[in-house]
Structure formats: C-alpha cells, structure tokens
Protein backbone atom coordinates (compact mmCIF):
# COMPACT_ATOMS: atom_id res chain seq x y z
CA MET A 1 -17.25 -8.63 9.17
CA ASP A 2 -14.49 -7.58 11.56
CA ALA A 3 -12.54 -4.45 10.72
CA LEU A 4 -9.17 -5.04 9.08
CA PRO A 5 -6.09 -4.13 11.10
CA LEU A 6 -4.47 -0.81 10.17
CA GLU A 7 -1.20 -2.51 9.20
CA ILE A 8 -0.03 -5.67 7.44
CA THR A 9 3.49 -7.10 7.30
CA PRO A 10 5.35 -7.48 4.00
CA SER A 11 5.47 -11.26 4.51
CA GLU A 12 1.67 -11.36 4.90
CA VAL A 13 1.26 -9.24 1.74
CA LYS A 14 3.51 -11.68 -0.14
CA ARG A 15 1.63 -14.70 1.25
CA ARG A 16 -1.74 -13.23 0.29
CA LEU A 17 -0.54 -12.27 -3.22
CA GLU A 18 0.78 -15.81 -3.76
CA ALA A 19 -2.55 -17.21 -2.51
CA GLY A 20 -4.35 -15.21 -5.18
CA ASP A 21 -6.07 -12.76 -2.83
CA ARG A 22 -7.34 -9.61 -4.53
CA LEU A 23 -4.91 -6.94 -3.35
CA SER A 24 -4.16 -3.57 -4.92
CA LEU A 25 -0.71 -2.20 -4.07
CA ILE A 26 -0.97 1.60 -3.85
CA ASP A 27 2.41 3.34 -3.58
CA VAL A 28 2.01 6.82 -2.05
CA ARG A 29 5.64 7.93 -2.46
CA GLU A 30 6.76 10.64 -4.84
CA PRO A 31 7.47 9.87 -8.52
CA PHE A 32 11.26 10.20 -8.04
CA GLU A 33 11.12 7.57 -5.26
CA TYR A 34 8.96 5.26 -7.35
CA ALA A 35 11.49 5.60 -10.19
CA GLN A 36 14.27 4.41 -7.84
CA ALA A 37 12.49 1.38 -6.38
CA ARG A 38 9.08 -0.20 -6.83
CA ILE A 39 7.23 -3.43 -6.18
CA ASP A 40 6.06 -5.18 -9.35
CA GLY A 41 2.34 -4.71 -9.74
CA SER A 42 2.17 -1.60 -7.56
CA ARG A 43 0.68 1.63 -8.82
CA LEU A 44 1.89 5.13 -8.01
CA ALA A 45 -0.57 7.50 -6.31
CA PRO A 46 1.49 10.16 -4.52
CA MET A 47 0.15 11.04 -1.07
CA ARG A 48 -0.81 14.56 -2.16
CA THR A 49 -3.08 13.13 -4.89
CA ILE A 50 -5.04 10.80 -2.59
CA PRO A 51 -7.94 13.22 -1.88
CA GLU A 52 -8.64 13.69 -5.61
CA SER A 53 -8.24 9.92 -6.14
CA LEU A 54 -10.80 9.09 -3.42
CA PRO A 55 -13.66 8.13 -5.80
CA SER A 56 -11.50 5.68 -7.77
CA LEU A 57 -9.93 4.28 -4.57
CA GLU A 58 -13.40 3.75 -3.06
CA GLU A 59 -14.46 1.88 -6.19
CA GLU A 60 -11.27 -0.19 -6.25
CA SER A 61 -11.67 -1.09 -2.56
CA GLU A 62 -15.01 -2.72 -3.36
CA GLN A 63 -13.15 -5.27 -5.54
CA SER A 64 -9.89 -5.71 -3.64
CA THR A 65 -8.11 -4.75 -0.42
CA LEU A 66 -5.91 -1.68 -0.84
CA ILE A 67 -2.39 -2.23 0.46
CA VAL A 68 -0.88 1.23 0.85
CA LEU A 69 2.89 1.53 0.97
CA CYS A 70 5.58 4.18 1.14
CA HIS A 71 9.28 4.26 2.04
CA HIS A 72 9.14 3.28 5.74
CA GLY A 73 5.42 3.02 6.50
CA MET A 74 4.56 6.42 7.99
CA ARG A 75 2.98 8.15 4.98
CA SER A 76 1.03 4.99 4.17
CA LEU A 77 -0.29 4.76 7.74
CA ASN A 78 -1.46 8.38 7.51
CA VAL A 79 -3.16 7.68 4.17
CA VAL A 80 -4.90 4.57 5.55
CA ASP A 81 -6.09 6.55 8.58
CA TRP A 82 -7.48 9.24 6.28
CA LEU A 83 -9.11 6.71 3.91
CA ARG A 84 -10.80 4.96 6.83
CA ARG A 85 -12.17 8.29 8.06
CA GLN A 86 -13.63 8.77 4.55
CA GLY A 87 -15.37 5.39 4.82
CA VAL A 88 -12.88 3.23 2.88
CA GLU A 89 -12.53 0.23 5.20
CA ALA A 90 -10.75 -2.25 2.89
CA CYS A 91 -7.29 -0.74 3.22
CA MET A 92 -4.13 -1.47 5.22
CA SER A 93 -0.67 0.08 5.47
CA MET A 94 2.34 -2.15 4.78
CA GLN A 95 4.54 -2.05 7.88
CA GLY A 96 8.06 -0.79 7.22
CA GLY A 97 7.23 0.19 3.65
CA ILE A 98 9.24 -0.70 0.59
CA ASP A 99 12.44 -0.63 2.65
CA ARG A 100 11.24 -3.57 4.77
CA TRP A 101 9.96 -5.32 1.61
CA SER A 102 13.45 -5.04 0.15
CA CYS A 103 15.07 -6.42 3.34
CA GLU A 104 12.64 -9.28 3.97
CA ILE A 105 11.00 -10.22 0.65
CA ASP A 106 12.84 -9.04 -2.46
CA PRO A 107 16.44 -7.84 -2.17
CA ALA A 108 16.35 -6.98 -5.90
CA VAL A 109 14.24 -3.94 -4.95
CA PRO A 110 16.83 -1.21 -4.35
CA ARG A 111 17.10 0.40 -0.92
CA TYR A 112 17.62 4.15 -0.70
C-alpha cells in the first residue's frame, strides 16, 4: 500500500465522510478554541496530550484514517509528522485547518 499524503483538503475530507469512509477527526487545538468552533463528529485531543494518547491513537488508526486538524493547519501538520515517526501511518493533516473548513465547507462553523 502506498503511503498516504501528509495533507488532505477539507473538500476531500467532506467527500470521504459523505462516501462513508472510516475517518476519525482529531482536533489538536486547545479546549477554549474547541469551545468556540468545532466540526461535528470531531474529538478534542490538544496537541500537548498527543504523546500520552499515542496508544489509543495507534489503535484507532488500525480501524480508520486519522484526520488531524487545528486552526490553520500548522499544529496538525506537526502532529502528523510526529505520529508518522512513531509508526502511525494512517493519519493526515487537514490543510488550512478549521478556518479553511469554515470558508469552504461549512460557514456555520465560526471563524476566529
């Protein structure tokens, strides 16, 4: 199997969710950011908690592709890079983060 790209666009995430693909949306922002704006079905796992969450993320990645997101896509890209170095291959960063999701996919998600 070919390696997944490091990043995925919000429109591709939406298309794959609608197609029924097994995706887990992992939001690595801080709790106060998640309280302001979130994507339905996403789960909060602040970036600083990722190392302690590694075992559960590894297990989850065996069942579905992890789509990691943040505000603009930088923290999520760092998390995906780190996860891949730990051996978690089934993960991608959502380009542009929740801000791009709000602009392109769901304007009901507040921008901040």
